[in-house]
Amino acid sequence: MNDLLATAVAAHGGLDRWNKIRSINVDAAITGAFWQIKGKADAMRGVRFEVNTTQQELTMDYVGRNRRSLFRPDRVVLQHLDGTVVDTRDDPERSFDGHQFQTPWDDLHLAYFTGEALWTYLNTPFLFTWPGFVCEEIAPIEADGETWRRLNVTFPDHIKSHTRKQVFCFGPDGLLRRHDFTIDIVDPGTESQLYAADYRDIDGIIIPATRRAYTTMGDDRIVLVAIDMADITVR
């Protein structure tokens, strides 16, 4: 690990503690204008999801809808809570070919995108210590009255995420402040910035319970994505 990654890992709880964990379970509300654009405005106002910390896998229950989604890089599945399969899609990333920002999504699109996104967010920064990740500290920036050190991370091909190269900004305390990226399956030409806040100590792991991405429409600042975690546990 380079110095910045080592600092960030230590600030978020350290590898010794992290390596004892197998999953993170979250009750959350996920809202914002982005989901309205995709035709999924109320789909995730109440969700429970489990993030596997040892391999790329995420399970999400949609509260009150008798619906569960299972995400893996090569396959997404929709099923009822009793395990009855509703729909499946192999090689799900290809289903976004030809999509533009305004293209509406079906439930399997939503399951894939939220799976790769939330899995990345909850495993940051420990994920970057895995084989195949390339991390380089780049020039810091001044933001919110602080100096933010920045880590440029190149993801290996077998890990599905927003895009291969992403930038993570860390405050003086080593905690993540902002995550900068483009999203290949949505709009690879537009950079997004996801702010992390409301940090909690969850059994020794330091996790931000709130994330926000914004966009500007005219003179208004619009919340594009809002993730609010009400309850977080680790196993």
C-alpha atoms as a PDB file:
ATOM      1  CA  MET A   1       0.000   0.000   0.000  1.00  0.00           C
ATOM      2  CA  ASN A   2       1.151   3.515  -0.693  1.00  0.00           C
ATOM      3  CA  ASP A   3       1.070   6.069   2.138  1.00  0.00           C
ATOM      4  CA  LEU A   4      -2.352   7.542   1.337  1.00  0.00           C
ATOM      5  CA  LEU A   5      -4.046   4.160   1.006  1.00  0.00           C
ATOM      6  CA  ALA A   6      -2.448   2.982   4.252  1.00  0.00           C
ATOM      7  CA  THR A   7      -3.672   6.156   5.990  1.00  0.00           C
ATOM      8  CA  ALA A   8      -7.200   5.710   4.653  1.00  0.00           C
ATOM      9  CA  VAL A   9      -7.383   2.024   5.575  1.00  0.00           C
ATOM     10  CA  ALA A  10      -6.224   2.759   9.117  1.00  0.00           C
ATOM     11  CA  ALA A  11      -8.714   5.641   9.492  1.00  0.00           C
ATOM     12  CA  HIS A  12     -11.622   3.434   8.411  1.00  0.00           C
ATOM     13  CA  GLY A  13     -10.834   0.721  10.947  1.00  0.00           C
ATOM     14  CA  GLY A  14      -7.698  -1.069   9.749  1.00  0.00           C
ATOM     15  CA  LEU A  15      -7.146  -4.284   7.821  1.00  0.00           C
ATOM     16  CA  ASP A  16      -6.925  -6.519  10.886  1.00  0.00           C
ATOM     17  CA  ARG A  17     -10.480  -5.662  11.889  1.00  0.00           C
ATOM     18  CA  TRP A  18     -11.763  -5.619   8.313  1.00  0.00           C
ATOM     19  CA  ASN A  19     -10.423  -9.083   7.552  1.00  0.00           C
ATOM     20  CA  LYS A  20     -12.598 -10.525  10.324  1.00  0.00           C
ATOM     21  CA  ILE A  21     -15.750  -9.288   8.586  1.00  0.00           C
ATOM     22  CA  ARG A  22     -17.661 -11.241   5.956  1.00  0.00           C
ATOM     23  CA  SER A  23     -20.621  -8.942   5.251  1.00  0.00           C
ATOM     24  CA  ILE A  24     -22.184  -5.547   5.955  1.00  0.00           C
ATOM     25  CA  ASN A  25     -25.950  -5.318   6.382  1.00  0.00           C
ATOM     26  CA  VAL A  26     -27.742  -2.029   5.825  1.00  0.00           C
ATOM     27  CA  ASP A  27     -31.283  -0.636   6.131  1.00  0.00           C
ATOM     28  CA  ALA A  28     -31.467   2.413   3.882  1.00  0.00           C
ATOM     29  CA  ALA A  29     -33.496   4.868   1.842  1.00  0.00           C
ATOM     30  CA  ILE A  30     -32.098   5.572  -1.634  1.00  0.00           C
ATOM     31  CA  THR A  31     -33.742   8.493  -3.403  1.00  0.00           C
ATOM     32  CA  GLY A  32     -32.991  11.406  -5.732  1.00  0.00           C
ATOM     33  CA  ALA A  33     -33.724  12.794  -9.187  1.00  0.00           C
ATOM     34  CA  PHE A  34     -31.619  10.164 -10.958  1.00  0.00           C
ATOM     35  CA  TRP A  35     -34.035   7.378 -10.062  1.00  0.00           C
ATOM     36  CA  GLN A  36     -36.977   9.446 -11.310  1.00  0.00           C
ATOM     37  CA  ILE A  37     -35.221   9.841 -14.667  1.00  0.00           C
ATOM     38  CA  LYS A  38     -34.789   6.073 -14.827  1.00  0.00           C
ATOM     39  CA  GLY A  39     -38.448   5.439 -13.987  1.00  0.00           C
ATOM     40  CA  LYS A  40     -37.612   4.054 -10.532  1.00  0.00           C
ATOM     41  CA  ALA A  41     -38.469   7.009  -8.297  1.00  0.00           C
ATOM     42  CA  ASP A  42     -39.906   5.039  -5.363  1.00  0.00           C
ATOM     43  CA  ALA A  43     -38.228   1.692  -5.940  1.00  0.00           C
ATOM     44  CA  MET A  44     -35.672   2.051  -3.132  1.00  0.00           C
ATOM     45  CA  ARG A  45     -37.288   4.310  -0.564  1.00  0.00           C
ATOM     46  CA  GLY A  46     -36.993   1.356   1.782  1.00  0.00           C
ATOM     47  CA  VAL A  47     -34.359  -1.327   1.159  1.00  0.00           C
ATOM     48  CA  ARG A  48     -32.287  -3.799   3.125  1.00  0.00           C
ATOM     49  CA  PHE A  49     -29.087  -4.978   1.502  1.00  0.00           C
ATOM     50  CA  GLU A  50     -26.197  -7.259   2.369  1.00  0.00           C
ATOM     51  CA  VAL A  51     -22.743  -6.536   0.970  1.00  0.00           C
ATOM     52  CA  ASN A  52     -20.296  -9.434   0.741  1.00  0.00           C
ATOM     53  CA  THR A  53     -16.822  -8.189   1.746  1.00  0.00           C
ATOM     54  CA  THR A  54     -14.911 -11.195   0.386  1.00  0.00           C
ATOM     55  CA  GLN A  55     -16.257 -11.371  -3.191  1.00  0.00           C
ATOM     56  CA  GLN A  56     -18.356  -9.208  -5.484  1.00  0.00           C
ATOM     57  CA  GLU A  57     -21.879 -10.050  -4.429  1.00  0.00           C
ATOM     58  CA  LEU A  58     -24.816  -8.052  -3.088  1.00  0.00           C
ATOM     59  CA  THR A  59     -28.370  -8.997  -2.077  1.00  0.00           C
ATOM     60  CA  MET A  60     -31.124  -6.384  -1.786  1.00  0.00           C
ATOM     61  CA  ASP A  61     -34.624  -6.711  -0.334  1.00  0.00           C
ATOM     62  CA  TYR A  62     -37.205  -4.114  -1.391  1.00  0.00           C
ATOM     63  CA  VAL A  63     -39.227  -3.499   1.764  1.00  0.00           C
ATOM     64  CA  GLY A  64     -42.939  -4.147   1.403  1.00  0.00           C
ATOM     65  CA  ARG A  65     -42.685  -5.484  -2.158  1.00  0.00           C
ATOM     66  CA  ASN A  66     -41.921  -9.212  -1.715  1.00  0.00           C
ATOM     67  CA  ARG A  67     -38.969  -8.680  -4.018  1.00  0.00           C
ATOM     68  CA  ARG A  68     -35.267  -9.466  -3.711  1.00  0.00           C
ATOM     69  CA  SER A  69     -32.423  -8.856  -6.157  1.00  0.00           C
ATOM     70  CA  LEU A  70     -29.165 -10.809  -6.268  1.00  0.00           C
ATOM     71  CA  PHE A  71     -26.173  -9.163  -7.936  1.00  0.00           C
ATOM     72  CA  ARG A  72     -23.025 -10.794  -9.206  1.00  0.00           C
ATOM     73  CA  PRO A  73     -20.841  -9.397 -12.004  1.00  0.00           C
ATOM     74  CA  ASP A  74     -21.986 -12.008 -14.523  1.00  0.00           C
ATOM     75  CA  ARG A  75     -25.616 -12.415 -13.465  1.00  0.00           C
ATOM     76  CA  VAL A  76     -28.508 -10.650 -11.759  1.00  0.00           C
ATOM     77  CA  VAL A  77     -31.601 -12.379 -10.408  1.00  0.00           C
ATOM     78  CA  LEU A  78     -34.989 -11.125  -9.230  1.00  0.00           C
ATOM     79  CA  GLN A  79     -36.928 -13.368  -6.887  1.00  0.00           C
ATOM     80  CA  HIS A  80     -39.666 -13.373  -4.279  1.00  0.00           C
ATOM     81  CA  LEU A  81     -38.606 -13.525  -0.638  1.00  0.00           C
ATOM     82  CA  ASP A  82     -39.414 -17.242  -0.552  1.00  0.00           C
ATOM     83  CA  GLY A  83     -36.784 -17.831  -3.249  1.00  0.00           C
ATOM     84  CA  THR A  84     -39.122 -18.133  -6.247  1.00  0.00           C
ATOM     85  CA  VAL A  85     -37.250 -16.766  -9.271  1.00  0.00           C
ATOM     86  CA  VAL A  86     -39.055 -13.956 -11.131  1.00  0.00           C
ATOM     87  CA  ASP A  87     -36.456 -13.031 -13.763  1.00  0.00           C
ATOM     88  CA  THR A  88     -32.741 -13.380 -14.528  1.00  0.00           C
ATOM     89  CA  ARG A  89     -30.165 -11.777 -16.799  1.00  0.00           C
ATOM     90  CA  ASP A  90     -26.736 -13.168 -17.694  1.00  0.00           C
ATOM     91  CA  ASP A  91     -23.902 -10.824 -18.726  1.00  0.00           C
ATOM     92  CA  PRO A  92     -26.065  -7.935 -17.455  1.00  0.00           C
ATOM     93  CA  GLU A  93     -23.617  -5.172 -18.330  1.00  0.00           C
ATOM     94  CA  ARG A  94     -24.306  -5.725 -22.041  1.00  0.00           C
ATOM     95  CA  SER A  95     -27.979  -4.876 -21.530  1.00  0.00           C
ATOM     96  CA  PHE A  96     -26.971  -1.205 -21.188  1.00  0.00           C
ATOM     97  CA  ASP A  97     -25.514  -1.030 -24.718  1.00  0.00           C
ATOM     98  CA  GLY A  98     -26.943   1.959 -26.554  1.00  0.00           C
ATOM     99  CA  HIS A  99     -28.358   3.534 -23.389  1.00  0.00           C
ATOM    100  CA  GLN A 100     -28.276   7.279 -22.836  1.00  0.00           C
ATOM    101  CA  PHE A 101     -28.754   9.263 -19.625  1.00  0.00           C
ATOM    102  CA  GLN A 102     -32.515   9.517 -20.158  1.00  0.00           C
ATOM    103  CA  THR A 103     -33.029   5.832 -21.059  1.00  0.00           C
ATOM    104  CA  PRO A 104     -35.449   4.204 -18.584  1.00  0.00           C
ATOM    105  CA  TRP A 105     -34.435   1.036 -16.755  1.00  0.00           C
ATOM    106  CA  ASP A 106     -36.185  -2.212 -15.983  1.00  0.00           C
ATOM    107  CA  ASP A 107     -35.817  -3.930 -12.601  1.00  0.00           C
ATOM    108  CA  LEU A 108     -32.809  -5.971 -13.731  1.00  0.00           C
ATOM    109  CA  HIS A 109     -30.979  -2.821 -14.864  1.00  0.00           C
ATOM    110  CA  LEU A 110     -31.637  -1.353 -11.440  1.00  0.00           C
ATOM    111  CA  ALA A 111     -30.415  -4.504  -9.680  1.00  0.00           C
ATOM    112  CA  TYR A 112     -27.156  -4.516 -11.637  1.00  0.00           C
ATOM    113  CA  PHE A 113     -26.367  -0.826 -11.205  1.00  0.00           C
ATOM    114  CA  THR A 114     -27.183  -0.650  -7.509  1.00  0.00           C
ATOM    115  CA  GLY A 115     -25.311  -3.894  -6.937  1.00  0.00           C
ATOM    116  CA  GLU A 116     -22.019  -2.753  -8.421  1.00  0.00           C
ATOM    117  CA  ALA A 117     -22.369   0.758  -6.962  1.00  0.00           C
ATOM    118  CA  LEU A 118     -23.228  -0.097  -3.363  1.00  0.00           C
ATOM    119  CA  TRP A 119     -20.748  -2.955  -3.305  1.00  0.00           C
ATOM    120  CA  THR A 120     -17.974  -0.529  -4.302  1.00  0.00           C
ATOM    121  CA  TYR A 121     -19.050   2.132  -1.809  1.00  0.00           C
ATOM    122  CA  LEU A 122     -19.282  -0.158   1.223  1.00  0.00           C
ATOM    123  CA  ASN A 123     -15.976  -1.912   0.516  1.00  0.00           C
ATOM    124  CA  THR A 124     -14.021   1.344   0.081  1.00  0.00           C
ATOM    125  CA  PRO A 125     -11.118   1.777   0.858  1.00  0.00           C
ATOM    126  CA  PHE A 126     -10.286  -1.808   1.906  1.00  0.00           C
ATOM    127  CA  LEU A 127     -11.113  -3.105  -1.560  1.00  0.00           C
ATOM    128  CA  PHE A 128      -8.090  -1.311  -2.993  1.00  0.00           C
ATOM    129  CA  THR A 129      -5.704  -3.619  -1.136  1.00  0.00           C
ATOM    130  CA  TRP A 130      -6.870  -6.568  -3.264  1.00  0.00           C
ATOM    131  CA  PRO A 131      -4.600  -7.948  -6.014  1.00  0.00           C
ATOM    132  CA  GLY A 132      -5.094  -6.203  -9.343  1.00  0.00           C
ATOM    133  CA  PHE A 133      -5.909  -2.730  -8.025  1.00  0.00           C
ATOM    134  CA  VAL A 134      -3.447   0.016  -8.949  1.00  0.00           C
ATOM    135  CA  CYS A 135      -3.392   3.055  -6.649  1.00  0.00           C
ATOM    136  CA  GLU A 136      -1.510   6.310  -7.144  1.00  0.00           C
ATOM    137  CA  GLU A 137      -1.659   9.472  -5.062  1.00  0.00           C
ATOM    138  CA  ILE A 138      -2.274  12.530  -7.235  1.00  0.00           C
ATOM    139  CA  ALA A 139      -2.247  16.264  -6.482  1.00  0.00           C
ATOM    140  CA  PRO A 140      -4.388  17.323  -3.507  1.00  0.00           C
ATOM    141  CA  ILE A 141      -7.234  19.815  -3.729  1.00  0.00           C
ATOM    142  CA  GLU A 142      -8.635  22.450  -1.394  1.00  0.00           C
ATOM    143  CA  ALA A 143     -12.318  21.924  -0.577  1.00  0.00           C
ATOM    144  CA  ASP A 144     -14.636  22.824   2.308  1.00  0.00           C
ATOM    145  CA  GLY A 145     -11.775  24.583   4.100  1.00  0.00           C
ATOM    146  CA  GLU A 146      -9.626  21.442   4.084  1.00  0.00           C
ATOM    147  CA  THR A 147      -6.855  19.888   2.051  1.00  0.00           C
ATOM    148  CA  TRP A 148      -8.076  16.662   0.499  1.00  0.00           C
ATOM    149  CA  ARG A 149      -5.492  14.100  -0.563  1.00  0.00           C
ATOM    150  CA  ARG A 150      -6.572  12.191  -3.660  1.00  0.00           C
ATOM    151  CA  LEU A 151      -6.087   8.557  -4.611  1.00  0.00           C
ATOM    152  CA  ASN A 152      -6.386   7.613  -8.274  1.00  0.00           C
ATOM    153  CA  VAL A 153      -7.545   3.987  -8.393  1.00  0.00           C
ATOM    154  CA  THR A 154      -7.533   1.723 -11.447  1.00  0.00           C
ATOM    155  CA  PHE A 155      -9.902  -1.223 -11.010  1.00  0.00           C
ATOM    156  CA  PRO A 156      -9.047  -4.663 -12.445  1.00  0.00           C
ATOM    157  CA  ASP A 157     -11.202  -5.847 -15.345  1.00  0.00           C
ATOM    158  CA  HIS A 158     -12.931  -8.584 -13.358  1.00  0.00           C
ATOM    159  CA  ILE A 159     -14.373  -6.126 -10.803  1.00  0.00           C
ATOM    160  CA  LYS A 160     -17.510  -4.399 -12.079  1.00  0.00           C
ATOM    161  CA  SER A 161     -17.826  -0.801 -10.987  1.00  0.00           C
ATOM    162  CA  HIS A 162     -18.782   2.579 -12.440  1.00  0.00           C
ATOM    163  CA  THR A 163     -15.639   2.809 -14.550  1.00  0.00           C
ATOM    164  CA  ARG A 164     -12.072   1.508 -14.410  1.00  0.00           C
ATOM    165  CA  LYS A 165     -10.407   4.748 -13.180  1.00  0.00           C
ATOM    166  CA  GLN A 166     -11.920   6.509 -10.163  1.00  0.00           C
ATOM    167  CA  VAL A 167     -10.621   9.157  -7.746  1.00  0.00           C
ATOM    168  CA  PHE A 168     -11.163   9.074  -3.979  1.00  0.00           C
ATOM    169  CA  CYS A 169     -10.648  12.231  -1.891  1.00  0.00           C
ATOM    170  CA  PHE A 170      -9.666  11.889   1.767  1.00  0.00           C
ATOM    171  CA  GLY A 171      -9.703  14.554   4.483  1.00  0.00           C
ATOM    172  CA  PRO A 172      -6.959  15.315   7.021  1.00  0.00           C
ATOM    173  CA  ASP A 173      -8.396  12.590   9.272  1.00  0.00           C
ATOM    174  CA  GLY A 174      -7.970   9.985   6.516  1.00  0.00           C
ATOM    175  CA  LEU A 175     -11.716   9.533   6.016  1.00  0.00           C
ATOM    176  CA  LEU A 176     -13.346   9.610   2.593  1.00  0.00           C
ATOM    177  CA  ARG A 177     -14.863  12.988   1.750  1.00  0.00           C
ATOM    178  CA  ARG A 178     -15.731  12.577  -1.922  1.00  0.00           C
ATOM    179  CA  HIS A 179     -15.704   9.936  -4.644  1.00  0.00           C
ATOM    180  CA  ASP A 180     -15.226  11.178  -8.245  1.00  0.00           C
ATOM    181  CA  PHE A 181     -16.100   9.010 -11.239  1.00  0.00           C
ATOM    182  CA  THR A 182     -17.861   8.642 -14.549  1.00  0.00           C
ATOM    183  CA  ILE A 183     -20.423   5.891 -15.152  1.00  0.00           C
ATOM    184  CA  ASP A 184     -19.799   3.900 -18.313  1.00  0.00           C
ATOM    185  CA  ILE A 185     -23.294   2.398 -18.517  1.00  0.00           C
ATOM    186  CA  VAL A 186     -25.058   5.746 -17.928  1.00  0.00           C
ATOM    187  CA  ASP A 187     -23.010   8.585 -19.432  1.00  0.00           C
ATOM    188  CA  PRO A 188     -19.240   8.075 -19.731  1.00  0.00           C
ATOM    189  CA  GLY A 189     -18.725  11.734 -20.647  1.00  0.00           C
ATOM    190  CA  THR A 190     -20.116  13.200 -17.415  1.00  0.00           C
ATOM    191  CA  GLU A 191     -18.206  13.186 -14.126  1.00  0.00           C
ATOM    192  CA  SER A 192     -20.125  12.525 -10.917  1.00  0.00           C
ATOM    193  CA  GLN A 193     -19.086  13.502  -7.410  1.00  0.00           C
ATOM    194  CA  LEU A 194     -20.470  11.533  -4.470  1.00  0.00           C
ATOM    195  CA  TYR A 195     -19.967  13.115  -1.035  1.00  0.00           C
ATOM    196  CA  ALA A 196     -19.631  10.948   2.079  1.00  0.00           C
ATOM    197  CA  ALA A 197     -20.645  12.128   5.562  1.00  0.00           C
ATOM    198  CA  ASP A 198     -22.229  11.130   8.887  1.00  0.00           C
ATOM    199  CA  TYR A 199     -19.526   8.644   9.838  1.00  0.00           C
ATOM    200  CA  ARG A 200     -20.360   5.911  12.338  1.00  0.00           C
ATOM    201  CA  ASP A 201     -18.237   3.396  14.199  1.00  0.00           C
ATOM    202  CA  ILE A 202     -19.832   0.034  13.384  1.00  0.00           C
ATOM    203  CA  ASP A 203     -18.076  -2.520  15.560  1.00  0.00           C
ATOM    204  CA  GLY A 204     -14.677  -1.040  14.766  1.00  0.00           C
ATOM    205  CA  ILE A 205     -15.296  -0.199  11.083  1.00  0.00           C
ATOM    206  CA  ILE A 206     -15.871   3.477  10.267  1.00  0.00           C
ATOM    207  CA  ILE A 207     -18.632   3.833   7.668  1.00  0.00           C
ATOM    208  CA  PRO A 208     -20.314   6.958   6.220  1.00  0.00           C
ATOM    209  CA  ALA A 209     -24.088   6.618   6.670  1.00  0.00           C
ATOM    210  CA  THR A 210     -24.932   9.427   4.234  1.00  0.00           C
ATOM    211  CA  ARG A 211     -23.900   9.947   0.606  1.00  0.00           C
ATOM    212  CA  ARG A 212     -25.010  12.655  -1.796  1.00  0.00           C
ATOM    213  CA  ALA A 213     -24.497  13.397  -5.484  1.00  0.00           C
ATOM    214  CA  TYR A 214     -25.698  16.729  -6.873  1.00  0.00           C
ATOM    215  CA  THR A 215     -26.418  18.282 -10.228  1.00  0.00           C
ATOM    216  CA  THR A 216     -27.245  21.827 -11.329  1.00  0.00           C
ATOM    217  CA  MET A 217     -30.410  22.766 -13.202  1.00  0.00           C
ATOM    218  CA  GLY A 218     -30.461  26.457 -13.979  1.00  0.00           C
ATOM    219  CA  ASP A 219     -29.860  28.227 -10.680  1.00  0.00           C
ATOM    220  CA  ASP A 220     -30.943  25.235  -8.609  1.00  0.00           C
ATOM    221  CA  ARG A 221     -28.766  22.577  -7.028  1.00  0.00           C
ATOM    222  CA  ILE A 222     -30.592  19.254  -7.294  1.00  0.00           C
ATOM    223  CA  VAL A 223     -29.934  16.089  -5.287  1.00  0.00           C
ATOM    224  CA  LEU A 224     -29.242  13.521  -7.975  1.00  0.00           C
ATOM    225  CA  VAL A 225     -28.659  10.585  -5.612  1.00  0.00           C
ATOM    226  CA  ALA A 226     -29.246  10.395  -1.859  1.00  0.00           C
ATOM    227  CA  ILE A 227     -28.258   7.369   0.215  1.00  0.00           C
ATOM    228  CA  ASP A 228     -29.337   7.455   3.857  1.00  0.00           C
ATOM    229  CA  MET A 229     -28.426   4.457   5.981  1.00  0.00           C
ATOM    230  CA  ALA A 230     -30.629   4.100   9.055  1.00  0.00           C
ATOM    231  CA  ASP A 231     -29.096   0.912  10.464  1.00  0.00           C
ATOM    232  CA  ILE A 232     -25.724  -0.719   9.718  1.00  0.00           C
ATOM    233  CA  THR A 233     -24.343  -3.953  11.135  1.00  0.00           C
ATOM    234  CA  VAL A 234     -21.338  -6.118  10.318  1.00  0.00           C
ATOM    235  CA  ARG A 235     -20.953  -9.883  10.490  1.00  0.00           C
END
